Amino acid sequence: MTKKENGKLPVVHRYITTHNEDGEAIFLSPSQIPECAPNRSAGDDGEVALLYATPKVPVDANNEADVAVYDSYLHTPPGLTPPQGTVLRVVDICPEKEIPMHRTVSFDYGAVLEGEVELMLDSGQSRMMRRGDVSVQRGTSHSYRNRSATEWCRLLFVFLPMEQLMVAGRPAREEWYYEHGEEHY
């Protein structure tokens, strides 16, 4: 397994399937989309890799339409969550770092692939998530903290569109609660 520059976590490989002219399942050529997912810096907090994204659901996979859109997203990222689309993303959090408190206007599945992370809510409630644990974010304000002094944490997220969410009688919107005014994602 290849190690990332941080020396702690392996490089993420993403294998995209398609069909050949005879209708058989094959892997998309790495010349179209590289199999190693490129990482972007998330400031001092870690790294983010956009593994796949679509502009809408249902997904149009005819004539590689979704692949073309994803390729464009690799050059111009779609933001945290496209309003009607999907996102598959890996987030690597450095030791002793925290992702700022935020709210997405999406329905998110999150899984811990490596390490441990504390999932914190704006109410003050929290849960320790360990390798294999899953969270379901339903438009709530949340943050993740890697409490380890030495180990990186890797999270896998699937972001899905959701109907307009009402919170305390108001429409929810994407929000970031920054201490230093920097946006990392």
C-alpha atoms as a PDB file:
ATOM      1  CA  MET A   1       0.000   0.000   0.000  1.00  0.00           C
ATOM      2  CA  THR A   2       1.323   3.410  -0.922  1.00  0.00           C
ATOM      3  CA  LYS A   3       1.568   5.909   1.924  1.00  0.00           C
ATOM      4  CA  LYS A   4       0.533   9.526   1.678  1.00  0.00           C
ATOM      5  CA  GLU A   5       3.033  12.315   2.202  1.00  0.00           C
ATOM      6  CA  ASN A   6       1.919  12.525   5.828  1.00  0.00           C
ATOM      7  CA  GLY A   7       3.280   8.986   6.194  1.00  0.00           C
ATOM      8  CA  LYS A   8       0.270   7.866   8.200  1.00  0.00           C
ATOM      9  CA  LEU A   9      -2.541   6.907   5.816  1.00  0.00           C
ATOM     10  CA  PRO A  10      -2.535   5.081   2.476  1.00  0.00           C
ATOM     11  CA  VAL A  11      -3.395   6.868  -0.751  1.00  0.00           C
ATOM     12  CA  VAL A  12      -7.061   6.398  -1.667  1.00  0.00           C
ATOM     13  CA  HIS A  13      -7.683   4.554  -4.928  1.00  0.00           C
ATOM     14  CA  ARG A  14     -11.071   4.881  -6.560  1.00  0.00           C
ATOM     15  CA  TYR A  15     -12.099   2.414  -9.263  1.00  0.00           C
ATOM     16  CA  ILE A  16     -14.864   3.532 -11.618  1.00  0.00           C
ATOM     17  CA  THR A  17     -16.723   0.935 -13.654  1.00  0.00           C
ATOM     18  CA  THR A  18     -18.343   1.311 -17.063  1.00  0.00           C
ATOM     19  CA  HIS A  19     -19.245  -0.891 -20.062  1.00  0.00           C
ATOM     20  CA  ASN A  20     -17.385  -1.836 -23.204  1.00  0.00           C
ATOM     21  CA  GLU A  21     -18.999  -1.902 -26.657  1.00  0.00           C
ATOM     22  CA  ASP A  22     -20.219  -5.478 -26.024  1.00  0.00           C
ATOM     23  CA  GLY A  23     -22.010  -4.442 -22.835  1.00  0.00           C
ATOM     24  CA  GLU A  24     -19.503  -6.102 -20.503  1.00  0.00           C
ATOM     25  CA  ALA A  25     -18.491  -4.410 -17.270  1.00  0.00           C
ATOM     26  CA  ILE A  26     -14.982  -2.950 -17.347  1.00  0.00           C
ATOM     27  CA  PHE A  27     -12.979  -0.427 -15.356  1.00  0.00           C
ATOM     28  CA  LEU A  28     -12.810   3.107 -16.672  1.00  0.00           C
ATOM     29  CA  SER A  29      -9.403   3.822 -18.145  1.00  0.00           C
ATOM     30  CA  PRO A  30      -7.056   5.647 -15.744  1.00  0.00           C
ATOM     31  CA  SER A  31      -6.271   7.943 -18.690  1.00  0.00           C
ATOM     32  CA  GLN A  32      -9.855   9.279 -18.379  1.00  0.00           C
ATOM     33  CA  ILE A  33      -9.892   9.630 -14.575  1.00  0.00           C
ATOM     34  CA  PRO A  34      -6.788   8.706 -12.537  1.00  0.00           C
ATOM     35  CA  GLU A  35      -7.370   5.892 -10.036  1.00  0.00           C
ATOM     36  CA  CYS A  36      -5.529   7.768  -7.271  1.00  0.00           C
ATOM     37  CA  ALA A  37      -7.879  10.364  -5.846  1.00  0.00           C
ATOM     38  CA  PRO A  38      -6.153  13.763  -5.616  1.00  0.00           C
ATOM     39  CA  ASN A  39      -6.037  15.382  -2.172  1.00  0.00           C
ATOM     40  CA  ARG A  40      -6.561  19.042  -1.378  1.00  0.00           C
ATOM     41  CA  SER A  41      -5.256  20.691   1.740  1.00  0.00           C
ATOM     42  CA  ALA A  42      -7.783  21.512   4.449  1.00  0.00           C
ATOM     43  CA  GLY A  43      -5.529  24.116   6.006  1.00  0.00           C
ATOM     44  CA  ASP A  44      -3.691  22.867   9.069  1.00  0.00           C
ATOM     45  CA  ASP A  45      -6.528  20.447   9.853  1.00  0.00           C
ATOM     46  CA  GLY A  46      -5.803  17.757   7.256  1.00  0.00           C
ATOM     47  CA  GLU A  47      -6.689  16.822   3.685  1.00  0.00           C
ATOM     48  CA  VAL A  48      -9.813  16.230   1.590  1.00  0.00           C
ATOM     49  CA  ALA A  49     -10.248  13.989  -1.469  1.00  0.00           C
ATOM     50  CA  LEU A  50     -13.255  14.284  -3.785  1.00  0.00           C
ATOM     51  CA  LEU A  51     -13.773  10.641  -4.766  1.00  0.00           C
ATOM     52  CA  TYR A  52     -16.842  11.240  -6.930  1.00  0.00           C
ATOM     53  CA  ALA A  53     -19.688  13.712  -7.377  1.00  0.00           C
ATOM     54  CA  THR A  54     -22.792  14.045  -9.512  1.00  0.00           C
ATOM     55  CA  PRO A  55     -24.833  17.189 -10.270  1.00  0.00           C
ATOM     56  CA  LYS A  56     -28.243  15.544  -9.795  1.00  0.00           C
ATOM     57  CA  VAL A  57     -30.151  12.385  -8.943  1.00  0.00           C
ATOM     58  CA  PRO A  58     -31.033  10.186 -10.592  1.00  0.00           C
ATOM     59  CA  VAL A  59     -27.556  10.065 -12.110  1.00  0.00           C
ATOM     60  CA  ASP A  60     -27.188  10.138 -15.905  1.00  0.00           C
ATOM     61  CA  ALA A  61     -24.507   7.515 -16.630  1.00  0.00           C
ATOM     62  CA  ASN A  62     -25.250   7.311 -20.369  1.00  0.00           C
ATOM     63  CA  ASN A  63     -22.333   8.131 -22.654  1.00  0.00           C
ATOM     64  CA  GLU A  64     -20.140   8.764 -19.574  1.00  0.00           C
ATOM     65  CA  ALA A  65     -22.090  11.984 -18.793  1.00  0.00           C
ATOM     66  CA  ASP A  66     -21.429  11.591 -15.058  1.00  0.00           C
ATOM     67  CA  VAL A  67     -17.722  10.953 -15.673  1.00  0.00           C
ATOM     68  CA  ALA A  68     -17.435  14.176 -17.676  1.00  0.00           C
ATOM     69  CA  VAL A  69     -19.079  16.160 -14.865  1.00  0.00           C
ATOM     70  CA  TYR A  70     -16.851  14.545 -12.236  1.00  0.00           C
ATOM     71  CA  ASP A  71     -13.771  15.363 -14.324  1.00  0.00           C
ATOM     72  CA  SER A  72     -14.855  19.013 -14.379  1.00  0.00           C
ATOM     73  CA  TYR A  73     -15.373  18.897 -10.590  1.00  0.00           C
ATOM     74  CA  LEU A  74     -11.773  17.727 -10.163  1.00  0.00           C
ATOM     75  CA  HIS A  75     -10.675  21.023 -11.745  1.00  0.00           C
ATOM     76  CA  THR A  76     -13.435  23.197 -10.249  1.00  0.00           C
ATOM     77  CA  PRO A  77     -14.784  21.556  -7.060  1.00  0.00           C
ATOM     78  CA  PRO A  78     -18.577  21.662  -6.627  1.00  0.00           C
ATOM     79  CA  GLY A  79     -18.578  23.053  -3.096  1.00  0.00           C
ATOM     80  CA  LEU A  80     -19.408  21.048  -0.028  1.00  0.00           C
ATOM     81  CA  THR A  81     -22.723  19.715  -1.336  1.00  0.00           C
ATOM     82  CA  PRO A  82     -24.329  20.292  -4.748  1.00  0.00           C
ATOM     83  CA  PRO A  83     -28.007  21.231  -4.148  1.00  0.00           C
ATOM     84  CA  GLN A  84     -29.418  18.305  -6.173  1.00  0.00           C
ATOM     85  CA  GLY A  85     -26.351  16.097  -6.537  1.00  0.00           C
ATOM     86  CA  THR A  86     -24.255  13.611  -4.606  1.00  0.00           C
ATOM     87  CA  VAL A  87     -20.723  13.705  -3.244  1.00  0.00           C
ATOM     88  CA  LEU A  88     -18.385  10.932  -2.130  1.00  0.00           C
ATOM     89  CA  ARG A  89     -15.516  12.397  -0.129  1.00  0.00           C
ATOM     90  CA  VAL A  90     -12.700  11.293   2.181  1.00  0.00           C
ATOM     91  CA  VAL A  91     -11.536  13.632   4.933  1.00  0.00           C
ATOM     92  CA  ASP A  92      -8.236  13.007   6.738  1.00  0.00           C
ATOM     93  CA  ILE A  93      -7.916  14.847  10.052  1.00  0.00           C
ATOM     94  CA  CYS A  94      -4.482  15.552  11.549  1.00  0.00           C
ATOM     95  CA  PRO A  95      -3.726  14.564  15.142  1.00  0.00           C
ATOM     96  CA  GLU A  96      -5.195  16.981  17.692  1.00  0.00           C
ATOM     97  CA  LYS A  97      -7.162  18.910  15.032  1.00  0.00           C
ATOM     98  CA  GLU A  98     -10.831  19.771  14.705  1.00  0.00           C
ATOM     99  CA  ILE A  99     -13.088  20.429  11.719  1.00  0.00           C
ATOM    100  CA  PRO A 100     -14.977  23.658  12.516  1.00  0.00           C
ATOM    101  CA  MET A 101     -18.609  23.441  13.620  1.00  0.00           C
ATOM    102  CA  HIS A 102     -20.813  23.556  10.513  1.00  0.00           C
ATOM    103  CA  ARG A 103     -24.193  22.624   9.065  1.00  0.00           C
ATOM    104  CA  THR A 104     -24.688  21.109   5.636  1.00  0.00           C
ATOM    105  CA  VAL A 105     -28.057  21.241   3.903  1.00  0.00           C
ATOM    106  CA  SER A 106     -27.711  17.630   2.872  1.00  0.00           C
ATOM    107  CA  PHE A 107     -28.340  14.139   4.201  1.00  0.00           C
ATOM    108  CA  ASP A 108     -24.885  12.750   5.047  1.00  0.00           C
ATOM    109  CA  TYR A 109     -23.593   9.293   5.841  1.00  0.00           C
ATOM    110  CA  GLY A 110     -20.175   9.284   7.512  1.00  0.00           C
ATOM    111  CA  ALA A 111     -17.980   6.289   8.360  1.00  0.00           C
ATOM    112  CA  VAL A 112     -14.702   6.110  10.255  1.00  0.00           C
ATOM    113  CA  LEU A 113     -12.186   4.200   8.130  1.00  0.00           C
ATOM    114  CA  GLU A 114      -9.083   4.786  10.270  1.00  0.00           C
ATOM    115  CA  GLY A 115      -8.489   6.115  13.766  1.00  0.00           C
ATOM    116  CA  GLU A 116     -10.993   7.613  16.178  1.00  0.00           C
ATOM    117  CA  VAL A 117     -12.865  10.897  16.070  1.00  0.00           C
ATOM    118  CA  GLU A 118     -15.221  12.743  18.376  1.00  0.00           C
ATOM    119  CA  LEU A 119     -18.476  13.820  16.706  1.00  0.00           C
ATOM    120  CA  MET A 120     -19.689  16.969  18.467  1.00  0.00           C
ATOM    121  CA  LEU A 121     -23.085  18.680  18.108  1.00  0.00           C
ATOM    122  CA  ASP A 122     -23.944  22.330  18.747  1.00  0.00           C
ATOM    123  CA  SER A 123     -26.050  21.234  21.749  1.00  0.00           C
ATOM    124  CA  GLY A 124     -22.867  20.070  23.487  1.00  0.00           C
ATOM    125  CA  GLN A 125     -23.621  16.368  23.006  1.00  0.00           C
ATOM    126  CA  SER A 126     -20.853  14.212  21.549  1.00  0.00           C
ATOM    127  CA  ARG A 127     -19.972  10.612  20.679  1.00  0.00           C
ATOM    128  CA  MET A 128     -16.614   8.936  20.151  1.00  0.00           C
ATOM    129  CA  MET A 129     -16.582   7.204  16.786  1.00  0.00           C
ATOM    130  CA  ARG A 130     -14.158   4.372  16.151  1.00  0.00           C
ATOM    131  CA  ARG A 131     -13.135   2.440  13.066  1.00  0.00           C
ATOM    132  CA  GLY A 132     -16.296   1.051  11.447  1.00  0.00           C
ATOM    133  CA  ASP A 133     -18.696   3.410  13.237  1.00  0.00           C
ATOM    134  CA  VAL A 134     -21.214   5.366  11.154  1.00  0.00           C
ATOM    135  CA  SER A 135     -22.990   8.699  11.607  1.00  0.00           C
ATOM    136  CA  VAL A 136     -26.132   9.916   9.855  1.00  0.00           C
ATOM    137  CA  GLN A 137     -26.181  13.717   9.655  1.00  0.00           C
ATOM    138  CA  ARG A 138     -29.653  15.092   8.964  1.00  0.00           C
ATOM    139  CA  GLY A 139     -28.926  18.785   8.462  1.00  0.00           C
ATOM    140  CA  THR A 140     -27.553  19.230  11.995  1.00  0.00           C
ATOM    141  CA  SER A 141     -24.702  21.487  13.119  1.00  0.00           C
ATOM    142  CA  HIS A 142     -21.698  19.334  13.923  1.00  0.00           C
ATOM    143  CA  SER A 143     -17.930  19.149  14.196  1.00  0.00           C
ATOM    144  CA  TYR A 144     -15.297  16.401  14.261  1.00  0.00           C
ATOM    145  CA  ARG A 145     -12.246  16.360  16.541  1.00  0.00           C
ATOM    146  CA  ASN A 146      -9.283  14.004  16.316  1.00  0.00           C
ATOM    147  CA  ARG A 147      -8.253  13.658  19.972  1.00  0.00           C
ATOM    148  CA  SER A 148      -5.181  11.522  19.251  1.00  0.00           C
ATOM    149  CA  ALA A 149      -1.804  13.181  19.706  1.00  0.00           C
ATOM    150  CA  THR A 150      -0.151  10.891  17.135  1.00  0.00           C
ATOM    151  CA  GLU A 151      -2.663   9.172  14.824  1.00  0.00           C
ATOM    152  CA  TRP A 152      -4.486  10.570  11.798  1.00  0.00           C
ATOM    153  CA  CYS A 153      -8.200   9.873  11.358  1.00  0.00           C
ATOM    154  CA  ARG A 154      -9.871   9.077   8.016  1.00  0.00           C
ATOM    155  CA  LEU A 155     -13.591   9.596   7.448  1.00  0.00           C
ATOM    156  CA  LEU A 156     -15.636   8.622   4.387  1.00  0.00           C
ATOM    157  CA  PHE A 157     -18.720  10.723   3.608  1.00  0.00           C
ATOM    158  CA  VAL A 158     -21.638  10.328   1.211  1.00  0.00           C
ATOM    159  CA  PHE A 159     -23.621  13.571   0.798  1.00  0.00           C
ATOM    160  CA  LEU A 160     -27.154  13.318  -0.621  1.00  0.00           C
ATOM    161  CA  PRO A 161     -29.689  16.053  -1.429  1.00  0.00           C
ATOM    162  CA  MET A 162     -32.584  16.589   0.957  1.00  0.00           C
ATOM    163  CA  GLU A 163     -35.849  18.494   0.988  1.00  0.00           C
ATOM    164  CA  GLN A 164     -35.733  21.958   2.565  1.00  0.00           C
ATOM    165  CA  LEU A 165     -35.203  21.396   6.281  1.00  0.00           C
ATOM    166  CA  MET A 166     -36.943  23.626   8.809  1.00  0.00           C
ATOM    167  CA  VAL A 167     -35.060  24.165  12.100  1.00  0.00           C
ATOM    168  CA  ALA A 168     -36.674  26.167  14.908  1.00  0.00           C
ATOM    169  CA  GLY A 169     -39.247  27.474  12.413  1.00  0.00           C
ATOM    170  CA  ARG A 170     -36.671  28.721   9.879  1.00  0.00           C
ATOM    171  CA  PRO A 171     -35.245  27.203   6.703  1.00  0.00           C
ATOM    172  CA  ALA A 172     -31.845  25.634   7.434  1.00  0.00           C
ATOM    173  CA  ARG A 173     -28.911  26.816   5.363  1.00  0.00           C
ATOM    174  CA  GLU A 174     -25.269  25.836   5.050  1.00  0.00           C
ATOM    175  CA  GLU A 175     -23.380  27.451   7.904  1.00  0.00           C
ATOM    176  CA  TRP A 176     -19.801  27.501   9.176  1.00  0.00           C
ATOM    177  CA  TYR A 177     -18.888  28.692  12.642  1.00  0.00           C
ATOM    178  CA  TYR A 178     -15.279  29.842  12.348  1.00  0.00           C
ATOM    179  CA  GLU A 179     -12.974  30.930  15.080  1.00  0.00           C
ATOM    180  CA  HIS A 180     -10.501  32.437  12.621  1.00  0.00           C
ATOM    181  CA  GLY A 181     -12.724  33.225   9.617  1.00  0.00           C
ATOM    182  CA  GLU A 182     -11.131  30.665   7.293  1.00  0.00           C
ATOM    183  CA  GLU A 183     -13.073  28.261   5.104  1.00  0.00           C
ATOM    184  CA  HIS A 184     -11.327  24.940   4.546  1.00  0.00           C
ATOM    185  CA  TYR A 185     -13.864  23.084   2.435  1.00  0.00           C
END
